[in-house]
Amino acid sequence: MAITDHRPTAHDHATTGPTGGTRTTDRRIGLIGTLVMIAGLVLTLSGAATWAMVQTSLSDEGITVAEDAARFGGDAVDGPLTAYYEADIIEKHALEASGGKTYAELNLEDPVRTTVMNGSFLRASLFTSVVSFGIAAMAMGLGLVFVLIGFALRSIAREPRAV
């Protein structure tokens, strides 16, 4: 039995309804697919731009991971991993300077309190960069998923339907 390509017309009320619903549905699915693809491209490009901006800002600071860090010692801080390991070693150095006490545990008059406070601020800034890289990566990943979903919807809308 041969399968023929049958495009519904307004007279095919049994399969399309009185207004040619299949064609309208196909157009809507195609339009939704296009919009989802556009949203995916915007997400992907926004994520990539954010990643580049954070990376450039970190690089411009000229920070180098301390030699005694668990990883990346001596490398420039310009990505999520180097920022994380530099923040980690800053905490270690601050705790060593304070005898294991955190900022909140030090007396107001303790001269080391300023050092520990500055270390906390630096760590917070570096962790903000790490989070920013994560959000940028998530936006790029979701953007790619949206592009694929949009492509799939457009493909479904173009496929001939068997009746």
C-alpha atoms as a PDB file:
ATOM      1  CA  MET A   1       0.000   0.000   0.000  1.00  0.00           C
ATOM      2  CA  ALA A   2       1.487   3.320  -1.034  1.00  0.00           C
ATOM      3  CA  ILE A   3       1.544   6.247   1.331  1.00  0.00           C
ATOM      4  CA  THR A   4       0.646   9.509  -0.307  1.00  0.00           C
ATOM      5  CA  ASP A   5       1.253  12.996   0.921  1.00  0.00           C
ATOM      6  CA  HIS A   6      -2.174  14.339   1.805  1.00  0.00           C
ATOM      7  CA  ARG A   7      -2.411  17.965   2.798  1.00  0.00           C
ATOM      8  CA  PRO A   8      -5.774  18.690   4.446  1.00  0.00           C
ATOM      9  CA  THR A   9      -8.069  21.237   2.838  1.00  0.00           C
ATOM     10  CA  ALA A  10     -11.040  23.120   4.189  1.00  0.00           C
ATOM     11  CA  HIS A  11     -13.239  20.282   2.867  1.00  0.00           C
ATOM     12  CA  ASP A  12     -11.531  17.660   5.059  1.00  0.00           C
ATOM     13  CA  HIS A  13     -13.697  18.401   8.085  1.00  0.00           C
ATOM     14  CA  ALA A  14     -13.172  14.968   9.624  1.00  0.00           C
ATOM     15  CA  THR A  15      -9.413  15.463  10.084  1.00  0.00           C
ATOM     16  CA  THR A  16      -8.958  19.203  10.271  1.00  0.00           C
ATOM     17  CA  GLY A  17     -12.187  20.757  11.420  1.00  0.00           C
ATOM     18  CA  PRO A  18     -14.157  23.332   9.448  1.00  0.00           C
ATOM     19  CA  THR A  19     -11.356  25.934   9.466  1.00  0.00           C
ATOM     20  CA  GLY A  20      -8.391  23.784   8.419  1.00  0.00           C
ATOM     21  CA  GLY A  21      -7.072  23.382  11.995  1.00  0.00           C
ATOM     22  CA  THR A  22      -4.055  21.202  11.163  1.00  0.00           C
ATOM     23  CA  ARG A  23      -2.399  23.913   9.077  1.00  0.00           C
ATOM     24  CA  THR A  24      -3.117  26.493  11.757  1.00  0.00           C
ATOM     25  CA  THR A  25      -1.714  24.186  14.429  1.00  0.00           C
ATOM     26  CA  ASP A  26       1.385  23.520  12.320  1.00  0.00           C
ATOM     27  CA  ARG A  27       1.937  27.253  11.884  1.00  0.00           C
ATOM     28  CA  ARG A  28       1.545  27.840  15.613  1.00  0.00           C
ATOM     29  CA  ILE A  29       3.966  25.047  16.469  1.00  0.00           C
ATOM     30  CA  GLY A  30       6.426  26.452  13.942  1.00  0.00           C
ATOM     31  CA  LEU A  31       6.049  29.954  15.381  1.00  0.00           C
ATOM     32  CA  ILE A  32       6.522  28.691  18.933  1.00  0.00           C
ATOM     33  CA  GLY A  33       9.591  26.764  17.764  1.00  0.00           C
ATOM     34  CA  THR A  34      11.035  29.909  16.208  1.00  0.00           C
ATOM     35  CA  LEU A  35      10.389  31.943  19.366  1.00  0.00           C
ATOM     36  CA  VAL A  36      11.969  29.240  21.548  1.00  0.00           C
ATOM     37  CA  MET A  37      15.015  29.183  19.241  1.00  0.00           C
ATOM     38  CA  ILE A  38      15.348  32.973  19.456  1.00  0.00           C
ATOM     39  CA  ALA A  39      15.082  32.833  23.262  1.00  0.00           C
ATOM     40  CA  GLY A  40      17.749  30.120  23.249  1.00  0.00           C
ATOM     41  CA  LEU A  41      20.083  32.215  21.134  1.00  0.00           C
ATOM     42  CA  VAL A  42      19.580  35.225  23.422  1.00  0.00           C
ATOM     43  CA  LEU A  43      20.310  33.082  26.505  1.00  0.00           C
ATOM     44  CA  THR A  44      23.390  31.521  24.916  1.00  0.00           C
ATOM     45  CA  LEU A  45      24.813  34.856  23.777  1.00  0.00           C
ATOM     46  CA  SER A  46      24.010  36.548  27.101  1.00  0.00           C
ATOM     47  CA  GLY A  47      25.702  33.745  29.017  1.00  0.00           C
ATOM     48  CA  ALA A  48      28.775  33.913  26.796  1.00  0.00           C
ATOM     49  CA  ALA A  49      28.954  37.707  27.141  1.00  0.00           C
ATOM     50  CA  THR A  50      28.637  37.458  30.929  1.00  0.00           C
ATOM     51  CA  TRP A  51      31.353  34.801  31.085  1.00  0.00           C
ATOM     52  CA  ALA A  52      33.680  36.977  28.976  1.00  0.00           C
ATOM     53  CA  MET A  53      32.955  40.096  31.045  1.00  0.00           C
ATOM     54  CA  VAL A  54      33.646  38.378  34.383  1.00  0.00           C
ATOM     55  CA  GLN A  55      36.773  36.706  32.989  1.00  0.00           C
ATOM     56  CA  THR A  56      38.087  40.010  31.624  1.00  0.00           C
ATOM     57  CA  SER A  57      37.356  41.825  34.895  1.00  0.00           C
ATOM     58  CA  LEU A  58      39.182  39.178  36.917  1.00  0.00           C
ATOM     59  CA  SER A  59      42.144  39.181  34.522  1.00  0.00           C
ATOM     60  CA  ASP A  60      42.383  42.973  34.702  1.00  0.00           C
ATOM     61  CA  GLU A  61      42.842  42.759  38.481  1.00  0.00           C
ATOM     62  CA  GLY A  62      46.151  40.933  38.003  1.00  0.00           C
ATOM     63  CA  ILE A  63      45.512  38.471  40.846  1.00  0.00           C
ATOM     64  CA  THR A  64      47.689  35.365  41.030  1.00  0.00           C
ATOM     65  CA  VAL A  65      46.753  32.219  42.927  1.00  0.00           C
ATOM     66  CA  ALA A  66      49.015  31.888  45.972  1.00  0.00           C
ATOM     67  CA  GLU A  67      51.767  29.305  45.562  1.00  0.00           C
ATOM     68  CA  ASP A  68      50.577  27.332  48.582  1.00  0.00           C
ATOM     69  CA  ALA A  69      47.014  26.916  47.264  1.00  0.00           C
ATOM     70  CA  ALA A  70      45.693  23.376  46.844  1.00  0.00           C
ATOM     71  CA  ARG A  71      45.610  23.828  43.046  1.00  0.00           C
ATOM     72  CA  PHE A  72      46.681  26.339  40.387  1.00  0.00           C
ATOM     73  CA  GLY A  73      49.444  27.952  42.499  1.00  0.00           C
ATOM     74  CA  GLY A  74      51.065  30.777  40.509  1.00  0.00           C
ATOM     75  CA  ASP A  75      48.320  30.858  37.843  1.00  0.00           C
ATOM     76  CA  ALA A  76      46.413  34.020  37.009  1.00  0.00           C
ATOM     77  CA  VAL A  77      42.936  34.269  38.530  1.00  0.00           C
ATOM     78  CA  ASP A  78      40.809  34.422  35.391  1.00  0.00           C
ATOM     79  CA  GLY A  79      38.249  31.657  35.712  1.00  0.00           C
ATOM     80  CA  PRO A  80      35.939  29.934  38.164  1.00  0.00           C
ATOM     81  CA  LEU A  81      38.448  27.363  39.410  1.00  0.00           C
ATOM     82  CA  THR A  82      41.324  29.756  39.938  1.00  0.00           C
ATOM     83  CA  ALA A  83      38.966  32.201  41.710  1.00  0.00           C
ATOM     84  CA  TYR A  84      37.711  29.404  43.954  1.00  0.00           C
ATOM     85  CA  TYR A  85      41.178  28.188  44.929  1.00  0.00           C
ATOM     86  CA  GLU A  86      42.414  31.719  45.584  1.00  0.00           C
ATOM     87  CA  ALA A  87      39.403  32.355  47.857  1.00  0.00           C
ATOM     88  CA  ASP A  88      40.134  29.083  49.631  1.00  0.00           C
ATOM     89  CA  ILE A  89      43.761  29.968  50.332  1.00  0.00           C
ATOM     90  CA  ILE A  90      42.794  33.481  51.489  1.00  0.00           C
ATOM     91  CA  GLU A  91      40.605  31.855  54.135  1.00  0.00           C
ATOM     92  CA  LYS A  92      43.469  29.607  55.212  1.00  0.00           C
ATOM     93  CA  HIS A  93      45.853  32.570  55.507  1.00  0.00           C
ATOM     94  CA  ALA A  94      43.312  34.664  57.421  1.00  0.00           C
ATOM     95  CA  LEU A  95      42.653  31.853  59.906  1.00  0.00           C
ATOM     96  CA  GLU A  96      46.401  31.353  60.394  1.00  0.00           C
ATOM     97  CA  ALA A  97      46.839  35.087  61.051  1.00  0.00           C
ATOM     98  CA  SER A  98      44.013  35.104  63.608  1.00  0.00           C
ATOM     99  CA  GLY A  99      44.943  31.901  65.381  1.00  0.00           C
ATOM    100  CA  GLY A 100      41.913  30.098  63.928  1.00  0.00           C
ATOM    101  CA  LYS A 101      39.379  32.768  64.844  1.00  0.00           C
ATOM    102  CA  THR A 102      36.875  34.221  62.405  1.00  0.00           C
ATOM    103  CA  TYR A 103      36.160  37.944  62.088  1.00  0.00           C
ATOM    104  CA  ALA A 104      33.130  37.675  64.391  1.00  0.00           C
ATOM    105  CA  GLU A 105      35.163  35.857  67.050  1.00  0.00           C
ATOM    106  CA  LEU A 106      37.923  38.498  67.274  1.00  0.00           C
ATOM    107  CA  ASN A 107      37.814  41.355  69.786  1.00  0.00           C
ATOM    108  CA  LEU A 108      37.050  44.794  68.387  1.00  0.00           C
ATOM    109  CA  GLU A 109      40.505  46.008  69.430  1.00  0.00           C
ATOM    110  CA  ASP A 110      42.400  43.076  67.910  1.00  0.00           C
ATOM    111  CA  PRO A 111      44.694  44.474  65.171  1.00  0.00           C
ATOM    112  CA  VAL A 112      44.349  41.231  63.184  1.00  0.00           C
ATOM    113  CA  ARG A 113      40.615  41.867  62.848  1.00  0.00           C
ATOM    114  CA  THR A 114      41.191  44.236  59.901  1.00  0.00           C
ATOM    115  CA  THR A 115      43.271  41.614  58.095  1.00  0.00           C
ATOM    116  CA  VAL A 116      40.599  38.972  58.619  1.00  0.00           C
ATOM    117  CA  MET A 117      37.887  41.430  57.517  1.00  0.00           C
ATOM    118  CA  ASN A 118      39.777  42.233  54.308  1.00  0.00           C
ATOM    119  CA  GLY A 119      40.242  38.526  53.679  1.00  0.00           C
ATOM    120  CA  SER A 120      36.490  38.010  54.082  1.00  0.00           C
ATOM    121  CA  PHE A 121      35.759  40.796  51.610  1.00  0.00           C
ATOM    122  CA  LEU A 122      38.227  39.394  49.081  1.00  0.00           C
ATOM    123  CA  ARG A 123      36.780  35.898  49.459  1.00  0.00           C
ATOM    124  CA  ALA A 124      33.240  37.214  48.988  1.00  0.00           C
ATOM    125  CA  SER A 125      34.283  39.023  45.805  1.00  0.00           C
ATOM    126  CA  LEU A 126      35.989  35.950  44.421  1.00  0.00           C
ATOM    127  CA  PHE A 127      33.024  33.733  45.304  1.00  0.00           C
ATOM    128  CA  THR A 128      30.733  36.226  43.562  1.00  0.00           C
ATOM    129  CA  SER A 129      32.842  35.688  40.451  1.00  0.00           C
ATOM    130  CA  VAL A 130      32.568  31.915  40.839  1.00  0.00           C
ATOM    131  CA  VAL A 131      28.764  32.201  41.095  1.00  0.00           C
ATOM    132  CA  SER A 132      28.690  34.534  38.079  1.00  0.00           C
ATOM    133  CA  PHE A 133      30.609  31.997  36.017  1.00  0.00           C
ATOM    134  CA  GLY A 134      28.130  29.331  37.104  1.00  0.00           C
ATOM    135  CA  ILE A 135      25.116  31.408  36.143  1.00  0.00           C
ATOM    136  CA  ALA A 136      26.716  32.256  32.789  1.00  0.00           C
ATOM    137  CA  ALA A 137      27.367  28.567  32.123  1.00  0.00           C
ATOM    138  CA  MET A 138      23.801  27.700  33.114  1.00  0.00           C
ATOM    139  CA  ALA A 139      22.418  30.383  30.761  1.00  0.00           C
ATOM    140  CA  MET A 140      24.526  29.044  27.895  1.00  0.00           C
ATOM    141  CA  GLY A 141      23.440  25.466  28.607  1.00  0.00           C
ATOM    142  CA  LEU A 142      19.760  26.376  28.840  1.00  0.00           C
ATOM    143  CA  GLY A 143      20.100  28.447  25.694  1.00  0.00           C
ATOM    144  CA  LEU A 144      21.436  25.457  23.778  1.00  0.00           C
ATOM    145  CA  VAL A 145      18.593  23.284  25.111  1.00  0.00           C
ATOM    146  CA  PHE A 146      16.052  25.915  23.997  1.00  0.00           C
ATOM    147  CA  VAL A 147      17.606  26.055  20.524  1.00  0.00           C
ATOM    148  CA  LEU A 148      17.321  22.268  20.236  1.00  0.00           C
ATOM    149  CA  ILE A 149      13.705  22.277  21.473  1.00  0.00           C
ATOM    150  CA  GLY A 150      12.848  25.063  19.027  1.00  0.00           C
ATOM    151  CA  PHE A 151      14.479  23.156  16.197  1.00  0.00           C
ATOM    152  CA  ALA A 152      12.505  20.034  17.126  1.00  0.00           C
ATOM    153  CA  LEU A 153       9.222  21.977  17.228  1.00  0.00           C
ATOM    154  CA  ARG A 154       9.896  23.505  13.818  1.00  0.00           C
ATOM    155  CA  SER A 155      10.716  20.062  12.417  1.00  0.00           C
ATOM    156  CA  ILE A 156       7.461  18.648  13.795  1.00  0.00           C
ATOM    157  CA  ALA A 157       5.513  21.531  12.241  1.00  0.00           C
ATOM    158  CA  ARG A 158       7.031  20.824   8.802  1.00  0.00           C
ATOM    159  CA  GLU A 159       6.436  17.066   8.834  1.00  0.00           C
ATOM    160  CA  PRO A 160       3.609  15.844   6.631  1.00  0.00           C
ATOM    161  CA  ARG A 161       0.818  14.221   8.594  1.00  0.00           C
ATOM    162  CA  ALA A 162      -0.684  10.856   7.697  1.00  0.00           C
ATOM    163  CA  VAL A 163      -4.454  10.696   7.567  1.00  0.00           C
END
